[in-house]
Protein backbone atom coordinates (compact mmCIF):
# COMPACT_ATOMS: atom_id res chain seq x y z
CA MET A 1 147.43 56.78 146.95
CA PRO A 2 143.80 57.32 146.79
CA THR A 3 141.79 56.63 149.96
CA ARG A 4 139.13 54.40 150.03
CA LEU A 5 136.82 57.47 149.98
CA GLU A 6 137.76 58.91 146.82
CA GLN A 7 137.71 55.51 145.10
CA HIS A 8 134.36 55.04 146.22
CA GLU A 9 133.45 59.03 144.66
CA LYS A 10 135.27 58.03 141.72
CA LYS A 11 133.12 54.13 141.19
CA GLN A 12 129.89 56.51 142.24
CA ILE A 13 131.09 59.10 139.31
CA ARG A 14 131.38 56.31 136.84
CA SER A 15 128.21 55.12 137.67
CA ARG A 16 126.63 57.42 137.11
CA LEU A 17 128.19 58.52 133.31
CA ILE A 18 127.27 54.81 132.29
CA THR A 19 123.60 55.58 133.53
CA MET A 20 123.56 58.49 131.85
CA ALA A 21 125.38 57.27 128.85
CA ILE A 22 122.75 54.29 128.68
CA VAL A 23 119.67 56.76 129.36
CA LEU A 24 120.88 58.66 125.98
CA GLY A 25 121.13 55.66 123.97
CA LEU A 26 117.20 54.56 124.94
CA PHE A 27 116.01 58.23 124.23
CA LEU A 28 118.20 58.13 121.27
CA ILE A 29 116.71 54.57 120.25
CA PHE A 30 113.23 55.94 121.04
CA MET A 31 113.33 59.27 118.71
CA ILE A 32 114.81 57.52 115.43
CA THR A 33 112.34 54.43 115.38
CA ILE A 34 109.24 55.71 116.94
CA GLY A 35 109.10 59.40 117.98
CA LEU A 36 110.51 60.64 114.99
CA PRO A 37 107.88 59.35 112.68
CA LEU A 38 105.32 59.83 115.62
CA LEU A 39 106.17 63.36 114.55
CA ILE A 40 105.89 63.63 111.18
CA ASN A 41 102.52 62.07 111.10
CA GLY A 42 101.25 64.57 113.49
CA SER A 43 102.37 67.06 111.78
CA VAL A 44 101.05 65.58 108.35
CA PHE A 45 97.53 65.58 110.49
CA ILE A 46 97.85 68.91 111.47
CA GLY A 47 98.66 70.53 107.96
CA LYS A 48 95.66 68.53 106.94
CA LEU A 49 93.02 69.45 109.30
CA PHE A 50 94.19 73.08 109.36
CA GLY A 51 95.83 73.62 106.31
CA GLY A 52 92.96 74.03 104.42
CA GLY A 53 93.83 72.64 100.51
CA ASN A 54 92.20 71.99 97.21
CA SER A 55 88.92 69.64 97.44
CA GLU A 56 89.18 66.37 95.21
CA SER A 57 86.83 67.92 92.80
CA GLU A 58 89.31 71.52 92.54
CA LYS A 59 92.24 69.12 92.21
CA ASN A 60 90.74 67.37 89.14
CA VAL A 61 89.72 70.43 87.94
CA GLU A 62 92.88 72.11 87.87
CA ALA A 63 94.07 68.41 86.41
CA LEU A 64 91.38 68.66 83.60
CA GLY A 65 90.55 72.51 82.72
CA ASP A 66 91.19 76.34 83.97
CA PHE A 67 89.85 79.91 82.40
CA ASN A 68 91.54 83.11 82.92
CA VAL A 69 89.25 86.82 83.01
CA ASN A 70 90.20 89.52 81.65
CA GLU A 71 90.91 92.57 83.72
CA ILE A 72 87.76 93.58 85.41
CA PRO A 73 87.22 97.52 86.40
CA SER A 74 87.04 98.25 89.60
CA ALA A 75 84.31 101.12 89.24
CA THR A 76 81.90 101.43 86.05
CA ASN A 77 79.19 104.66 85.50
CA SER A 78 77.56 101.83 83.53
CA ALA A 79 74.75 98.99 85.12
CA ASP A 80 75.82 96.76 82.24
CA ILE A 81 79.62 95.29 81.97
CA ASN A 82 81.59 93.62 79.30
CA ILE A 83 83.98 90.86 80.42
CA SER A 84 86.23 88.55 78.86
CA GLY A 85 88.38 86.00 78.88
CA ASN A 86 89.91 82.58 77.89
CA VAL A 87 89.44 79.12 78.99
CA GLU A 88 90.72 75.95 78.92
CA ASN A 89 89.12 72.07 78.81
CA LEU A 90 86.21 72.97 80.74
CA GLY A 91 82.80 72.44 79.53
CA THR A 92 80.53 75.69 80.94
CA LEU A 93 81.41 78.74 82.85
CA GLU A 94 78.93 79.87 85.00
CA ILE A 95 78.81 83.89 86.08
CA PHE A 96 77.40 85.80 88.98
CA LEU A 97 76.71 88.55 90.09
CA ASN A 98 75.97 89.78 94.08
CA GLY A 99 75.25 85.53 94.10
CA SER A 100 72.98 85.01 91.42
CA LYS A 101 73.48 83.53 88.66
CA VAL A 102 73.42 85.63 85.56
CA ASP A 103 74.69 83.56 82.56
CA SER A 104 75.70 80.31 81.59
CA LEU A 105 78.41 79.79 79.05
CA ASN A 106 78.86 76.69 77.01
CA VAL A 107 82.74 76.40 76.62
CA GLU A 108 83.78 72.89 75.71
CA LYS A 109 85.41 73.53 71.95
CA GLU A 110 85.97 77.16 73.12
CA GLN A 111 89.33 78.65 73.99
CA GLU A 112 87.49 82.79 74.51
CA PHE A 113 84.39 83.83 76.48
CA ALA A 114 83.10 86.67 76.58
CA SER A 115 79.58 87.91 77.76
CA THR A 116 78.01 91.22 79.44
CA ILE A 117 76.49 90.96 82.94
CA THR A 118 73.24 93.95 82.74
CA GLY A 119 71.63 95.19 85.95
CA LEU A 120 75.06 95.94 88.50
CA ASN A 121 73.28 98.07 91.51
CA ILE A 122 74.26 101.46 92.51
CA GLY A 123 77.55 101.49 95.29
CA GLU A 124 79.56 97.57 95.05
CA ASN A 125 78.91 94.69 93.32
CA GLN A 126 80.55 91.00 93.34
CA ILE A 127 81.19 89.06 90.70
CA TYR A 128 82.35 85.53 90.89
CA PHE A 129 83.12 82.48 87.84
CA ILE A 130 82.40 79.01 88.35
CA GLY A 131 84.02 76.79 85.75
CA LYS A 132 83.10 73.31 84.90
CA VAL A 133 83.77 69.55 83.72
CA GLU A 134 81.00 68.15 81.83
CA SER A 135 82.30 64.90 82.19
CA SER A 136 82.91 65.03 86.21
CA SER A 137 81.77 66.79 89.18
CA ALA A 138 84.96 69.06 89.08
CA THR A 139 84.50 72.84 89.30
CA LYS A 140 86.57 75.46 90.13
CA LYS A 141 85.47 79.35 91.35
CA SER A 142 87.52 82.15 90.50
CA GLN A 143 88.05 85.20 92.99
CA ALA A 144 85.49 87.95 93.76
CA TYR A 145 85.70 91.17 91.75
CA VAL A 146 84.18 93.84 93.71
CA VAL A 147 82.81 96.79 90.88
CA THR A 148 81.60 100.03 92.24
CA PHE A 149 78.82 101.04 89.76
CA ARG A 150 78.69 105.20 90.36
CA ASN A 151 76.64 107.39 87.91
CA GLN A 152 76.17 110.34 89.45
CA LYS A 153 78.55 113.12 88.73
CA PRO A 154 80.87 114.22 91.20
CA LYS A 155 80.74 117.70 93.12
CA LEU A 156 82.62 121.07 91.57
CA GLU A 157 82.93 123.87 93.47
CA VAL A 158 84.71 126.71 92.33
CA ASN A 159 86.10 129.25 94.97
CA GLU A 160 87.77 131.52 93.27
CA PRO A 161 88.29 133.30 90.80
CA GLN A 162 85.14 134.83 90.21
CA ASP A 163 83.91 134.45 86.01
CA ASN A 164 84.71 137.67 84.59
CA THR A 165 87.31 138.66 86.88
CA ILE A 166 89.65 141.30 85.51
CA THR A 167 93.02 141.51 87.70
CA PRO A 168 96.64 143.23 86.83
CA ARG A 169 98.49 140.28 88.02
CA ASP A 170 100.06 137.80 85.51
CA GLU A 171 98.74 134.59 87.78
CA ILE A 172 95.92 133.99 89.50
CA LYS A 173 94.55 131.47 92.30
CA VAL A 174 92.44 128.92 91.41
CA ALA A 175 91.03 126.79 94.26
CA GLY A 176 87.58 125.09 94.93
CA LYS A 177 86.37 121.88 96.01
CA THR A 178 85.26 118.49 95.28
CA ASP A 179 84.82 114.78 96.38
CA LEU A 180 86.66 112.62 98.01
CA GLY A 181 89.06 110.38 95.31
CA VAL A 182 88.06 112.56 92.75
CA SER A 183 90.85 113.84 90.29
CA VAL A 184 90.81 117.43 89.35
CA PHE A 185 92.32 119.21 86.04
CA ILE A 186 92.51 122.96 85.58
CA ASN A 187 93.49 123.49 81.94
CA ASP A 188 94.18 120.24 81.38
CA SER A 189 97.20 120.12 84.06
CA PRO A 190 96.59 118.03 87.14
CA ALA A 191 95.93 119.62 91.08
CA ILE A 192 96.40 118.56 93.62
CA VAL A 193 93.34 117.29 95.80
CA ASP A 194 93.64 117.48 99.74
CA SER A 195 92.45 115.24 102.51
CA SER A 196 89.05 117.34 102.12
CA GLY A 197 88.29 117.08 99.01
CA GLY A 198 89.68 120.89 98.32
CA PHE A 199 92.18 121.91 95.61
CA GLN A 200 93.67 124.93 94.60
CA THR A 201 97.27 125.79 92.08
CA GLN A 202 98.40 129.26 90.34
CA VAL A 203 97.49 130.06 86.77
CA LYS A 204 99.51 131.80 84.48
CA LEU A 205 97.58 134.73 82.61
CA LYS A 206 98.34 135.96 79.61
CA GLU A 207 97.60 140.04 78.46
CA GLY A 208 93.61 139.98 77.81
CA GLU A 209 91.22 137.56 77.84
CA ASN A 210 92.27 133.85 79.60
CA LYS A 211 90.26 130.99 79.46
CA ILE A 212 90.15 128.92 82.52
CA LYS A 213 88.70 125.25 82.41
CA ILE A 214 88.44 123.33 85.53
CA VAL A 215 87.26 119.46 85.11
CA VAL A 216 86.44 116.74 87.64
CA GLN A 217 86.49 113.16 87.22
CA ASP A 218 85.81 110.32 89.56
CA SER A 219 87.45 106.54 88.97
CA ALA A 220 83.74 105.10 87.58
CA GLY A 221 84.32 107.78 84.53
CA ASN A 222 81.84 110.51 85.83
CA SER A 223 82.69 114.07 84.82
CA ASP A 224 82.09 117.69 85.58
CA SER A 225 83.55 120.89 83.97
CA LYS A 226 83.50 124.94 84.46
CA GLU A 227 85.36 127.42 82.43
CA LEU A 228 85.79 130.30 84.10
CA THR A 229 87.02 133.78 81.80
CA VAL A 230 89.63 136.07 83.51
CA LYS A 231 91.10 139.01 81.61
CA TYR A 232 94.55 140.28 82.49
CA GLU A 233 95.30 143.99 82.03
CA LYS A 234 98.81 145.89 83.06
């Protein structure tokens, strides 16, 4: 038979369990009725505050019109560049070069556009577009396209062989140096360029006189070349 002390301890445990159940129930009621909606509203507020999102005018132009720009080269050897693309439900398409508006196209009744941008600076240039809807203040801005303008030939140094070399071997090493990021072709075959701009390869020779042509070309289309004569005599 339980003692009075054991009965008292059981009553205390039962009382604690009942109290914990009541507290847990109140907590769940609070979370369902107040806490959860508060958490959701807070998340929405933070998302609006830090999530950026489109402005009202950008949302309007997405619904009313759009434009796409055809591929623009990342490098060119001309101060002029032709651009084109297509438009949908826009009134005006403005073109900007290095922060200045250089063209404004009326595309209200057009599905395609084309323009020539002139006056690129030596080095990097930024081009972007802004589409406008005439019936509202809605606008849409494109990404910035970076175009590098270079009009100088890449460096080409041929260290070996010397022109008019005569050799008893049926192959010869061709080695030299150029600028970083430049492609090298030796008799139309690509050569590997190392991190310092150096290149070398072996060229097979036929008996008699051989022509070896070395061509270098950068990403803008600038190129230079040298042609050597090597004579193979057994």
